[in-house]
Structure formats: C-alpha cells, structure tokens
Amino acid sequence: MEINKSESVSKSSLSMESPKDVGRPTGRFCNSKTSDRFEFSKIVFIILCAVTMGVTLYSMLLMWKTDNVGPLTYLIPSVYTAFATGTGFYFDKAKKENFIKLRSIYGDEMMDKVKGDS
C-alpha cells in the first residue's frame, strides 16, 4: 500500500491488526494482563444483576423473618422487569457490535449475504 505524503492518514487505517485483535478495546478499564475493557453497558448490566440478586435475597430473608409474602407482589416483579429490560438491551447492543466487528473482518459483501439469508 503506497501512501502519498500529502494525504493525511489516520493511524487506525494503517494499523495491521490480526482478525482476533479487531475491535479489541483499549481505555480506562483495561486489564493489563488480558487487555479486556469493561464497557459502560457491561458495568450497568453487572450492577443490575447485583441489585436484582440483592433485592431477591433481601425479600426472601424478610419474608422468612416476618412470615409475610406481601413483598412478592411489588418488589420482585418490578426488579425483574428492570432486569429483563436491561438484559434485552444489553444483548441487542452486543449483537450489533458483533455484526460490526464481523463486517470489518469479512467485508461488506459477505455480511450482506448473511444478513439477507436471515
């Protein structure tokens, strides 16, 4: 690939990444050993999982201590609705990111064929 010196070329267009390194995140939350980054959506998803488990365990403990199953009608459905919504958006985002990553590896023609088949 010849580069004209008068043209400004970004570093990202010249990087020689192997297919497994395409889309490899770098940034603030990188682990130096694995170089994997926790994206904001992943952090939100982890917090949502922790809150869901916490509310569920707290409700179970409270129902055991008070012998009242009233919290099941309000707490549990609201928390699991938020969890289901967050899970759906997270997996939809992951699907789109994987499509973009695979398109950069295999090219537009191949991905158009795959997208047309489904």
C-alpha atoms as a PDB file:
ATOM      1  CA  MET A   1       0.000   0.000   0.000  1.00  0.00           C
ATOM      2  CA  GLU A   2       1.532   3.274  -1.109  1.00  0.00           C
ATOM      3  CA  ILE A   3       0.865   6.374   0.913  1.00  0.00           C
ATOM      4  CA  ASN A   4       1.009   9.821  -0.548  1.00  0.00           C
ATOM      5  CA  LYS A   5       2.752  12.080   1.970  1.00  0.00           C
ATOM      6  CA  SER A   6       0.410  14.956   1.194  1.00  0.00           C
ATOM      7  CA  GLU A   7      -2.580  12.920   2.318  1.00  0.00           C
ATOM      8  CA  SER A   8      -3.386  12.763   5.984  1.00  0.00           C
ATOM      9  CA  VAL A   9      -3.863   9.164   7.012  1.00  0.00           C
ATOM     10  CA  SER A  10      -5.119   8.208  10.433  1.00  0.00           C
ATOM     11  CA  LYS A  11      -3.231   5.665  12.497  1.00  0.00           C
ATOM     12  CA  SER A  12      -6.275   3.412  12.693  1.00  0.00           C
ATOM     13  CA  SER A  13      -6.374   2.949   8.931  1.00  0.00           C
ATOM     14  CA  LEU A  14      -2.725   1.864   8.889  1.00  0.00           C
ATOM     15  CA  SER A  15      -2.811  -0.498  11.840  1.00  0.00           C
ATOM     16  CA  MET A  16      -2.068  -4.084  10.952  1.00  0.00           C
ATOM     17  CA  GLU A  17      -4.383  -5.880  13.333  1.00  0.00           C
ATOM     18  CA  SER A  18      -4.989  -9.564  13.128  1.00  0.00           C
ATOM     19  CA  PRO A  19      -8.659 -10.634  12.905  1.00  0.00           C
ATOM     20  CA  LYS A  20      -8.722 -11.587  16.574  1.00  0.00           C
ATOM     21  CA  ASP A  21      -7.489  -8.098  17.548  1.00  0.00           C
ATOM     22  CA  VAL A  22     -10.084  -6.182  15.532  1.00  0.00           C
ATOM     23  CA  GLY A  23     -12.281  -4.244  17.866  1.00  0.00           C
ATOM     24  CA  ARG A  24     -10.061  -5.008  20.871  1.00  0.00           C
ATOM     25  CA  PRO A  25     -10.956  -2.335  23.392  1.00  0.00           C
ATOM     26  CA  THR A  26      -8.406  -0.082  24.966  1.00  0.00           C
ATOM     27  CA  GLY A  27      -9.022   2.544  27.536  1.00  0.00           C
ATOM     28  CA  ARG A  28      -9.711   3.348  31.116  1.00  0.00           C
ATOM     29  CA  PHE A  29     -10.975  -0.004  32.353  1.00  0.00           C
ATOM     30  CA  CYS A  30      -8.323  -2.158  30.662  1.00  0.00           C
ATOM     31  CA  ASN A  31      -6.780  -5.054  32.463  1.00  0.00           C
ATOM     32  CA  SER A  32      -3.105  -5.116  31.528  1.00  0.00           C
ATOM     33  CA  LYS A  33      -2.989  -8.932  31.545  1.00  0.00           C
ATOM     34  CA  THR A  34      -5.922  -9.599  29.218  1.00  0.00           C
ATOM     35  CA  SER A  35      -6.434  -6.116  27.728  1.00  0.00           C
ATOM     36  CA  ASP A  36     -10.198  -6.555  28.019  1.00  0.00           C
ATOM     37  CA  ARG A  37     -12.176  -3.473  28.940  1.00  0.00           C
ATOM     38  CA  PHE A  38     -15.409  -3.261  30.863  1.00  0.00           C
ATOM     39  CA  GLU A  39     -17.654  -1.097  28.743  1.00  0.00           C
ATOM     40  CA  PHE A  40     -20.275   1.134  30.326  1.00  0.00           C
ATOM     41  CA  SER A  41     -23.121  -1.158  29.293  1.00  0.00           C
ATOM     42  CA  LYS A  42     -21.356  -4.136  30.841  1.00  0.00           C
ATOM     43  CA  ILE A  43     -20.880  -2.224  34.096  1.00  0.00           C
ATOM     44  CA  VAL A  44     -24.578  -1.270  34.117  1.00  0.00           C
ATOM     45  CA  PHE A  45     -25.535  -4.903  33.415  1.00  0.00           C
ATOM     46  CA  ILE A  46     -23.346  -6.184  36.275  1.00  0.00           C
ATOM     47  CA  ILE A  47     -24.811  -3.610  38.675  1.00  0.00           C
ATOM     48  CA  LEU A  48     -28.327  -4.547  37.542  1.00  0.00           C
ATOM     49  CA  CYS A  49     -27.591  -8.238  38.180  1.00  0.00           C
ATOM     50  CA  ALA A  50     -26.227  -7.433  41.642  1.00  0.00           C
ATOM     51  CA  VAL A  51     -29.238  -5.271  42.545  1.00  0.00           C
ATOM     52  CA  THR A  52     -31.632  -7.969  41.321  1.00  0.00           C
ATOM     53  CA  MET A  53     -29.911 -10.653  43.381  1.00  0.00           C
ATOM     54  CA  GLY A  54     -29.719  -8.348  46.409  1.00  0.00           C
ATOM     55  CA  VAL A  55     -33.407  -7.454  46.316  1.00  0.00           C
ATOM     56  CA  THR A  56     -34.363 -11.103  45.791  1.00  0.00           C
ATOM     57  CA  LEU A  57     -32.257 -12.306  48.723  1.00  0.00           C
ATOM     58  CA  TYR A  58     -33.430  -9.449  50.951  1.00  0.00           C
ATOM     59  CA  SER A  59     -37.063 -10.207  50.076  1.00  0.00           C
ATOM     60  CA  MET A  60     -36.550 -13.887  50.837  1.00  0.00           C
ATOM     61  CA  LEU A  61     -34.959 -13.061  54.184  1.00  0.00           C
ATOM     62  CA  LEU A  62     -37.664 -10.574  55.066  1.00  0.00           C
ATOM     63  CA  MET A  63     -40.443 -12.998  54.121  1.00  0.00           C
ATOM     64  CA  TRP A  64     -38.825 -15.735  56.207  1.00  0.00           C
ATOM     65  CA  LYS A  65     -38.488 -13.470  59.255  1.00  0.00           C
ATOM     66  CA  THR A  66     -41.971 -11.901  59.052  1.00  0.00           C
ATOM     67  CA  ASP A  67     -43.935 -14.824  57.557  1.00  0.00           C
ATOM     68  CA  ASN A  68     -45.457 -12.381  55.068  1.00  0.00           C
ATOM     69  CA  VAL A  69     -45.303 -12.851  51.301  1.00  0.00           C
ATOM     70  CA  GLY A  70     -46.573  -9.339  50.517  1.00  0.00           C
ATOM     71  CA  PRO A  71     -43.258  -8.135  49.034  1.00  0.00           C
ATOM     72  CA  LEU A  72     -43.612 -10.710  46.266  1.00  0.00           C
ATOM     73  CA  THR A  73     -46.429  -8.729  44.692  1.00  0.00           C
ATOM     74  CA  TYR A  74     -44.472  -5.455  44.391  1.00  0.00           C
ATOM     75  CA  LEU A  75     -40.722  -5.800  44.839  1.00  0.00           C
ATOM     76  CA  ILE A  76     -39.905  -8.879  42.826  1.00  0.00           C
ATOM     77  CA  PRO A  77     -41.888  -8.048  39.641  1.00  0.00           C
ATOM     78  CA  SER A  78     -40.519  -4.512  39.466  1.00  0.00           C
ATOM     79  CA  VAL A  79     -36.930  -5.609  39.916  1.00  0.00           C
ATOM     80  CA  TYR A  80     -37.205  -8.457  37.419  1.00  0.00           C
ATOM     81  CA  THR A  81     -38.904  -6.160  34.881  1.00  0.00           C
ATOM     82  CA  ALA A  82     -35.934  -3.820  35.067  1.00  0.00           C
ATOM     83  CA  PHE A  83     -33.585  -6.815  34.830  1.00  0.00           C
ATOM     84  CA  ALA A  84     -35.367  -8.205  31.763  1.00  0.00           C
ATOM     85  CA  THR A  85     -35.355  -4.826  30.029  1.00  0.00           C
ATOM     86  CA  GLY A  86     -31.657  -4.281  30.753  1.00  0.00           C
ATOM     87  CA  THR A  87     -30.806  -7.792  29.581  1.00  0.00           C
ATOM     88  CA  GLY A  88     -32.701  -7.291  26.316  1.00  0.00           C
ATOM     89  CA  PHE A  89     -30.978  -4.004  25.527  1.00  0.00           C
ATOM     90  CA  TYR A  90     -27.578  -5.388  26.503  1.00  0.00           C
ATOM     91  CA  PHE A  91     -27.898  -8.418  24.204  1.00  0.00           C
ATOM     92  CA  ASP A  92     -29.217  -6.261  21.366  1.00  0.00           C
ATOM     93  CA  LYS A  93     -26.195  -3.980  21.723  1.00  0.00           C
ATOM     94  CA  ALA A  94     -23.858  -6.979  21.765  1.00  0.00           C
ATOM     95  CA  LYS A  95     -25.488  -8.326  18.586  1.00  0.00           C
ATOM     96  CA  LYS A  96     -24.924  -5.024  16.782  1.00  0.00           C
ATOM     97  CA  GLU A  97     -21.307  -4.785  17.990  1.00  0.00           C
ATOM     98  CA  ASN A  98     -20.586  -8.335  16.822  1.00  0.00           C
ATOM     99  CA  PHE A  99     -22.108  -7.582  13.420  1.00  0.00           C
ATOM    100  CA  ILE A 100     -19.875  -4.506  13.062  1.00  0.00           C
ATOM    101  CA  LYS A 101     -16.809  -6.485  14.157  1.00  0.00           C
ATOM    102  CA  LEU A 102     -17.528  -9.344  11.743  1.00  0.00           C
ATOM    103  CA  ARG A 103     -18.192  -6.896   8.910  1.00  0.00           C
ATOM    104  CA  SER A 104     -14.760  -5.356   9.482  1.00  0.00           C
ATOM    105  CA  ILE A 105     -13.190  -8.829   9.343  1.00  0.00           C
ATOM    106  CA  TYR A 106     -15.093 -10.396   6.430  1.00  0.00           C
ATOM    107  CA  GLY A 107     -16.148  -7.362   4.416  1.00  0.00           C
ATOM    108  CA  ASP A 108     -19.448  -5.887   3.351  1.00  0.00           C
ATOM    109  CA  GLU A 109     -20.293  -8.383   0.588  1.00  0.00           C
ATOM    110  CA  MET A 110     -20.143 -11.419   2.878  1.00  0.00           C
ATOM    111  CA  MET A 111     -22.153  -9.740   5.623  1.00  0.00           C
ATOM    112  CA  ASP A 112     -24.816  -8.615   3.138  1.00  0.00           C
ATOM    113  CA  LYS A 113     -25.198 -12.244   2.076  1.00  0.00           C
ATOM    114  CA  VAL A 114     -25.506 -13.377   5.685  1.00  0.00           C
ATOM    115  CA  LYS A 115     -27.936 -10.601   6.585  1.00  0.00           C
ATOM    116  CA  GLY A 116     -30.045 -11.372   3.528  1.00  0.00           C
ATOM    117  CA  ASP A 117     -30.315 -15.066   4.458  1.00  0.00           C
ATOM    118  CA  SER A 118     -31.912 -14.447   7.846  1.00  0.00           C
END
